[in-house]
Amino acid sequence: MLTALEVKTSYSILSSLNRIDKLTEKASELGYFSLCITDTNNMFGVYEFYLSCKKNNIKPIIGMTVVNNNDKFILLARNNDGYKNLIKLSTIISERTIEFDDLIKYRDNLILIIPYTNYNDDIVNIYDDYYVGYSNMDDRVNITEKPVFISDISYIDRDDYKYLDYLIMIRDDKKLGEMELNTYKGRHLLNVDEFEMIVDEDVINNIKYIVDNCNVILELCW
């Protein structure tokens, strides 16, 4: 089940090269069953992403990456009620700093993926459904329960990492020589062979559970 649970689009401003139409077309060519949109602190690309996935016979999963102070985690909508809670949270983020009380208030029908490198018990304890995300095998061996693979897909083809470097330099107002280059390798759409090299049976089962249980349905306006 070729699936990407962490995908940034161009709506993550100056953090991703992914045009949604090109992303879903390439994913379809590679045989992806499902993609999850996880733009940072916003939901602007959701409807476009949903339509483009449907057009390319890919199951869309609706999510958002929350970055707040030192915390970073992914929330996925199980259904339309969960989608509404994501919208509530993204609205709060656009207006002020999000608090734990906000997360608790709008916790229902959401699945948490917390990166291993940002693990926080206080956040994990809010959610009934949670998974621990890894992007390399060094982290995978340290996760004893509920592992899933995430890779922050920010460009389509393997060699496009060099262009993401330049985008990040613009975002962070850096010049050549002021930022280490080639640090964003591996954030492309993996092919089947690459995917199978970094997942095991437990991970595949957890991914399947997430895909099966995330079922947002948006009204199509033609």
Protein backbone atom coordinates (compact mmCIF):
# COMPACT_ATOMS: atom_id res chain seq x y z
CA MET A 1 0.00 0.00 0.00
CA LEU A 2 2.15 2.85 -1.30
CA THR A 3 1.15 5.83 0.85
CA ALA A 4 2.65 9.15 1.92
CA LEU A 5 1.45 10.39 5.31
CA GLU A 6 3.39 13.67 5.31
CA VAL A 7 3.14 15.81 2.19
CA LYS A 8 3.79 19.55 1.95
CA THR A 9 2.38 21.50 -0.98
CA SER A 10 3.18 24.97 -2.30
CA TYR A 11 0.70 26.25 0.30
CA SER A 12 3.48 25.69 2.84
CA ILE A 13 4.96 28.96 1.65
CA LEU A 14 8.66 28.83 0.75
CA SER A 15 8.91 25.34 2.27
CA SER A 16 7.78 23.08 -0.58
CA LEU A 17 8.15 22.88 -4.35
CA ASN A 18 5.06 20.71 -4.80
CA ARG A 19 2.41 21.94 -7.19
CA ILE A 20 -0.63 19.87 -6.32
CA ASP A 21 -1.54 18.88 -9.88
CA LYS A 22 2.00 17.73 -10.71
CA LEU A 23 2.33 15.97 -7.37
CA THR A 24 -0.81 13.87 -7.76
CA GLU A 25 -0.06 13.06 -11.40
CA LYS A 26 3.38 11.74 -10.47
CA ALA A 27 2.01 9.85 -7.47
CA SER A 28 -0.51 8.16 -9.74
CA GLU A 29 2.27 7.13 -12.14
CA LEU A 30 4.22 5.63 -9.23
CA GLY A 31 1.20 3.67 -8.03
CA TYR A 32 0.30 5.55 -4.86
CA PHE A 33 -2.87 4.40 -3.15
CA SER A 34 -3.15 7.40 -0.83
CA LEU A 35 -1.60 10.81 -0.11
CA CYS A 36 -1.99 12.97 2.97
CA ILE A 37 -1.76 16.76 2.80
CA THR A 38 0.02 18.13 5.88
CA ASP A 39 0.80 21.75 5.16
CA THR A 40 2.21 23.72 8.07
CA ASN A 41 -0.36 25.55 10.20
CA ASN A 42 -2.83 26.03 7.35
CA MET A 43 -5.56 24.27 5.37
CA PHE A 44 -5.54 26.47 2.26
CA GLY A 45 -4.69 23.71 -0.21
CA VAL A 46 -7.14 21.07 1.04
CA TYR A 47 -9.92 21.40 -1.53
CA GLU A 48 -7.56 21.60 -4.51
CA PHE A 49 -5.65 18.62 -3.14
CA TYR A 50 -8.84 16.62 -2.58
CA LEU A 51 -10.06 17.17 -6.15
CA SER A 52 -6.67 16.44 -7.68
CA CYS A 53 -6.32 13.18 -5.75
CA LYS A 54 -9.79 12.08 -6.80
CA LYS A 55 -9.00 12.90 -10.42
CA ASN A 56 -5.93 10.65 -10.24
CA ASN A 57 -7.63 7.76 -8.37
CA ILE A 58 -5.73 8.43 -5.15
CA LYS A 59 -7.40 8.42 -1.74
CA PRO A 60 -6.93 11.86 -0.16
CA ILE A 61 -6.24 12.13 3.57
CA ILE A 62 -6.71 15.56 5.09
CA GLY A 63 -4.24 16.69 7.72
CA MET A 64 -2.16 19.57 9.00
CA THR A 65 1.29 19.91 10.52
CA VAL A 66 1.15 21.99 13.68
CA VAL A 67 4.31 23.90 14.52
CA ASN A 68 4.08 25.74 17.81
CA ASN A 69 7.15 26.90 19.73
CA ASN A 70 9.30 23.74 20.08
CA ASP A 71 6.46 21.35 19.27
CA LYS A 72 5.83 19.85 15.85
CA PHE A 73 3.22 17.20 15.15
CA ILE A 74 0.72 16.06 12.51
CA LEU A 75 -3.04 15.85 12.95
CA LEU A 76 -5.17 13.83 10.52
CA ALA A 77 -8.94 14.06 10.15
CA ARG A 78 -10.81 10.80 10.59
CA ASN A 79 -14.01 12.24 9.12
CA ASN A 80 -15.75 15.53 8.38
CA ASP A 81 -16.08 16.36 12.07
CA GLY A 82 -12.34 15.95 12.42
CA TYR A 83 -11.87 18.15 9.35
CA LYS A 84 -13.94 20.87 11.03
CA ASN A 85 -11.72 20.62 14.10
CA LEU A 86 -8.62 21.05 11.94
CA ILE A 87 -10.16 24.17 10.44
CA LYS A 88 -10.85 25.48 13.95
CA LEU A 89 -7.25 24.87 14.97
CA SER A 90 -5.82 26.45 11.82
CA THR A 91 -7.99 29.52 12.38
CA ILE A 92 -6.73 29.85 15.95
CA ILE A 93 -3.13 29.52 14.74
CA SER A 94 -3.69 32.35 12.26
CA GLU A 95 -4.88 34.62 15.07
CA ARG A 96 -2.75 33.76 18.10
CA THR A 97 -0.52 31.16 19.75
CA ILE A 98 -2.35 27.88 20.11
CA GLU A 99 -2.69 26.53 23.65
CA PHE A 100 -3.08 23.02 25.09
CA ASP A 101 -6.67 23.89 25.97
CA ASP A 102 -7.36 24.50 22.27
CA LEU A 103 -5.94 21.10 21.35
CA ILE A 104 -8.07 19.45 24.02
CA LYS A 105 -11.22 21.30 22.95
CA TYR A 106 -10.82 20.29 19.30
CA ARG A 107 -9.29 16.83 19.77
CA ASP A 108 -12.18 14.63 18.64
CA ASN A 109 -11.99 12.61 15.42
CA LEU A 110 -8.31 13.38 14.92
CA ILE A 111 -5.35 11.02 14.66
CA LEU A 112 -2.00 12.24 15.95
CA ILE A 113 1.34 11.44 14.33
CA ILE A 114 4.13 12.77 16.51
CA PRO A 115 7.66 12.64 15.07
CA TYR A 116 10.07 10.62 17.17
CA THR A 117 12.43 13.60 17.31
CA ASN A 118 9.65 15.84 18.72
CA TYR A 119 8.00 13.36 21.07
CA ASN A 120 5.99 15.06 23.81
CA ASP A 121 3.93 13.07 26.32
CA ASP A 122 1.69 16.05 27.04
CA ILE A 123 0.55 16.12 23.40
CA VAL A 124 0.33 12.34 23.03
CA ASN A 125 -1.94 12.10 26.07
CA ILE A 126 -4.51 14.38 24.45
CA TYR A 127 -5.39 11.97 21.65
CA ASP A 128 -7.02 8.54 21.69
CA ASP A 129 -5.32 7.54 18.42
CA TYR A 130 -1.63 8.33 18.03
CA TYR A 131 1.38 7.08 16.13
CA VAL A 132 5.10 7.83 16.29
CA GLY A 133 6.67 8.94 13.03
CA TYR A 134 10.16 8.19 11.78
CA SER A 135 12.00 9.20 8.62
CA ASN A 136 15.14 7.07 8.94
CA MET A 137 16.05 3.64 10.24
CA ASP A 138 18.07 5.02 13.15
CA ASP A 139 14.87 6.47 14.59
CA ARG A 140 12.82 3.42 13.64
CA VAL A 141 14.82 1.07 15.85
CA ASN A 142 14.09 3.29 18.85
CA ILE A 143 10.31 3.22 18.42
CA THR A 144 8.80 0.35 20.39
CA GLU A 145 5.12 0.90 19.54
CA LYS A 146 2.86 2.40 16.89
CA PRO A 147 5.52 3.38 14.32
CA VAL A 148 4.66 4.98 10.97
CA PHE A 149 6.90 6.26 8.23
CA ILE A 150 6.87 9.99 7.45
CA SER A 151 9.29 11.81 5.15
CA ASP A 152 8.06 15.42 4.76
CA ILE A 153 7.65 15.19 0.99
CA SER A 154 8.52 18.66 -0.27
CA TYR A 155 9.46 18.00 -3.90
CA ILE A 156 8.61 15.40 -6.50
CA ASP A 157 11.81 14.02 -8.02
CA ARG A 158 14.87 12.74 -6.15
CA ASP A 159 17.29 15.39 -7.45
CA ASP A 160 15.06 18.38 -6.74
CA TYR A 161 16.51 18.81 -3.23
CA LYS A 162 18.96 21.39 -4.60
CA TYR A 163 16.07 23.67 -5.58
CA LEU A 164 14.51 23.33 -2.16
CA ASP A 165 17.79 24.61 -0.71
CA TYR A 166 17.36 27.85 -2.65
CA LEU A 167 13.73 28.17 -1.59
CA ILE A 168 14.67 27.76 2.07
CA MET A 169 17.41 30.37 1.67
CA ILE A 170 14.82 32.84 0.38
CA ARG A 171 12.47 31.97 3.24
CA ASP A 172 15.15 32.38 5.91
CA ASP A 173 16.84 35.36 4.24
CA LYS A 174 20.12 33.51 3.82
CA LYS A 175 22.82 33.87 1.18
CA LEU A 176 25.10 31.23 -0.32
CA GLY A 177 27.63 30.30 2.32
CA GLU A 178 25.29 31.15 5.19
CA MET A 179 23.36 27.86 5.11
CA GLU A 180 24.49 24.26 4.81
CA LEU A 181 23.35 22.81 1.49
CA ASN A 182 22.12 19.34 0.56
CA THR A 183 20.39 18.77 3.91
CA TYR A 184 16.95 18.09 2.41
CA LYS A 185 17.69 14.92 0.48
CA GLY A 186 15.11 12.13 0.55
CA ARG A 187 12.00 14.29 0.64
CA HIS A 188 10.83 13.19 -2.80
CA LEU A 189 7.97 10.88 -3.74
CA LEU A 190 9.40 7.44 -3.07
CA ASN A 191 8.89 4.66 -5.56
CA VAL A 192 7.72 1.21 -4.45
CA ASP A 193 11.22 -0.17 -3.98
CA GLU A 194 12.35 2.79 -1.87
CA PHE A 195 9.19 2.59 0.23
CA GLU A 196 9.50 -1.12 0.89
CA MET A 197 13.11 -0.72 2.03
CA ILE A 198 12.12 1.53 4.94
CA VAL A 199 8.86 -0.02 6.19
CA ASP A 200 8.18 -3.30 7.97
CA GLU A 201 5.02 -5.28 8.64
CA ASP A 202 4.06 -3.32 11.76
CA VAL A 203 4.50 -0.02 9.94
CA ILE A 204 2.45 -1.20 6.97
CA ASN A 205 -0.36 -2.36 9.27
CA ASN A 206 -0.38 1.01 11.05
CA ILE A 207 -0.42 2.90 7.77
CA LYS A 208 -3.28 0.73 6.55
CA TYR A 209 -5.26 1.48 9.72
CA ILE A 210 -4.80 5.22 9.20
CA VAL A 211 -5.75 5.09 5.53
CA ASP A 212 -8.82 2.95 6.23
CA ASN A 213 -10.01 5.21 9.05
CA CYS A 214 -9.47 8.64 7.50
CA ASN A 215 -12.51 9.32 5.35
CA VAL A 216 -13.20 13.00 4.82
CA ILE A 217 -15.76 13.57 2.07
CA LEU A 218 -15.93 17.03 0.52
CA GLU A 219 -18.77 18.25 -1.66
CA LEU A 220 -17.66 18.62 -5.25
CA CYS A 221 -18.43 21.99 -6.83
CA TRP A 222 -18.02 21.81 -10.57
